[in-house]
Amino acid sequence: MQTCNPVKNALNNGIALVSSKQNPRGLFIMPTVNNITAIRADDLTLFDTKVAADFMGINHLTLQNWRSTGKSPRYVKVGRSVRYRLSDLKAWLEAQTRNHTGEVA
């Protein structure tokens, strides 16, 4: 049997799920915290479609249309809900930056 437990790393206060396995006698082995990576705050900030569209300065229907055609920023499905990471919105906006009208992506 294998379970996942949230473990807090004292060094960077990052939280990660680590696997703990049962030994043959049924006792749990303490999980290790060696492979915990810090999570950036931008990756924890999730916006719904309307807030993401406001952040980008566009209509939320435009963002829905772009998502269905593959032109939108990366998004996360949480159940049936669509959410956008702040880091993905920033990266997508940066990729849209141009120096002149003839420049292509």
Protein backbone atom coordinates (compact mmCIF):
# COMPACT_ATOMS: atom_id res chain seq x y z
CA MET A 1 0.00 0.00 0.00
CA GLN A 2 1.30 3.42 -0.88
CA THR A 3 0.05 6.77 0.37
CA CYS A 4 0.93 10.38 -0.34
CA ASN A 5 1.39 12.79 2.53
CA PRO A 6 1.95 16.54 2.45
CA VAL A 7 5.32 17.35 3.96
CA LYS A 8 6.61 20.81 4.79
CA ASN A 9 10.29 21.46 4.19
CA ALA A 10 11.81 23.62 6.91
CA LEU A 11 14.45 25.06 4.57
CA ASN A 12 12.24 26.70 1.97
CA ASN A 13 8.72 26.28 3.42
CA GLY A 14 7.76 24.49 0.20
CA ILE A 15 5.05 21.87 0.41
CA ALA A 16 5.26 18.74 -1.69
CA LEU A 17 3.59 15.36 -1.80
CA VAL A 18 5.99 12.56 -1.06
CA SER A 19 5.34 8.87 -1.13
CA SER A 20 5.58 6.73 1.98
CA LYS A 21 5.52 2.95 1.70
CA GLN A 22 4.65 0.33 4.27
CA ASN A 23 7.39 -2.02 5.28
CA PRO A 24 6.64 -5.77 5.59
CA ARG A 25 5.65 -5.43 9.26
CA GLY A 26 2.97 -2.84 8.49
CA LEU A 27 4.81 0.16 9.92
CA PHE A 28 5.11 3.31 7.86
CA ILE A 29 8.53 4.43 6.76
CA MET A 30 9.12 8.14 7.21
CA PRO A 31 8.87 10.05 3.92
CA THR A 32 11.94 11.75 2.53
CA VAL A 33 12.16 15.48 1.87
CA ASN A 34 15.25 15.50 -0.34
CA ASN A 35 13.48 16.17 -3.65
CA ILE A 36 11.25 19.10 -2.70
CA THR A 37 11.34 22.01 -5.11
CA ALA A 38 10.10 25.44 -4.24
CA ILE A 39 6.89 26.55 -5.93
CA ARG A 40 6.88 30.09 -7.29
CA ALA A 41 4.06 32.32 -6.08
CA ASP A 42 2.97 32.98 -9.70
CA ASP A 43 2.32 29.26 -10.13
CA LEU A 44 -0.04 29.24 -7.16
CA THR A 45 -2.09 32.19 -8.38
CA LEU A 46 -5.00 30.92 -10.50
CA PHE A 47 -7.45 33.16 -12.36
CA ASP A 48 -10.80 32.25 -13.86
CA THR A 49 -11.53 33.26 -17.45
CA LYS A 50 -13.10 36.64 -16.62
CA VAL A 51 -10.29 37.74 -14.30
CA ALA A 52 -7.62 36.49 -16.73
CA ALA A 53 -9.29 38.40 -19.57
CA ASP A 54 -9.42 41.57 -17.43
CA PHE A 55 -5.73 41.11 -16.59
CA MET A 56 -4.93 40.88 -20.31
CA GLY A 57 -7.26 43.73 -21.27
CA ILE A 58 -9.56 41.68 -23.51
CA ASN A 59 -13.16 40.45 -23.40
CA HIS A 60 -13.69 37.09 -21.66
CA LEU A 61 -15.53 35.79 -24.75
CA THR A 62 -12.43 36.50 -26.83
CA LEU A 63 -10.35 34.46 -24.40
CA GLN A 64 -12.88 31.59 -24.58
CA ASN A 65 -12.72 31.74 -28.37
CA TRP A 66 -8.92 31.71 -28.36
CA ARG A 67 -8.95 28.72 -26.00
CA SER A 68 -11.17 26.72 -28.37
CA THR A 69 -8.93 27.54 -31.35
CA GLY A 70 -5.62 26.97 -29.53
CA LYS A 71 -4.51 30.62 -29.53
CA SER A 72 -4.92 31.24 -25.79
CA PRO A 73 -2.34 31.08 -23.02
CA ARG A 74 -1.83 27.72 -21.35
CA TYR A 75 -4.57 26.87 -18.88
CA VAL A 76 -5.35 24.38 -16.14
CA LYS A 77 -8.51 22.30 -15.87
CA VAL A 78 -9.68 21.99 -12.26
CA GLY A 79 -12.61 19.62 -12.57
CA ARG A 80 -14.84 21.34 -15.12
CA SER A 81 -13.40 24.78 -14.39
CA VAL A 82 -10.77 26.49 -16.51
CA ARG A 83 -8.08 28.40 -14.61
CA TYR A 84 -5.05 30.37 -15.79
CA ARG A 85 -1.75 30.57 -13.91
CA LEU A 86 -0.37 34.07 -13.52
CA SER A 87 3.02 32.84 -14.75
CA ASP A 88 1.43 31.41 -17.93
CA LEU A 89 -0.42 34.67 -18.63
CA LYS A 90 2.79 36.68 -18.20
CA ALA A 91 4.74 34.28 -20.45
CA TRP A 92 2.04 34.39 -23.14
CA LEU A 93 1.92 38.19 -23.07
CA GLU A 94 5.71 38.35 -23.32
CA ALA A 95 5.61 36.04 -26.34
CA GLN A 96 3.17 38.43 -28.05
CA THR A 97 5.60 41.35 -27.82
CA ARG A 98 6.69 42.73 -31.21
CA ASN A 99 9.04 45.49 -32.37
CA HIS A 100 7.13 46.36 -35.54
CA THR A 101 4.03 45.28 -37.47
CA GLY A 102 5.92 43.13 -39.98
CA GLU A 103 7.52 40.95 -37.32
CA VAL A 104 6.18 37.41 -36.99
CA ALA A 105 6.21 35.14 -33.96
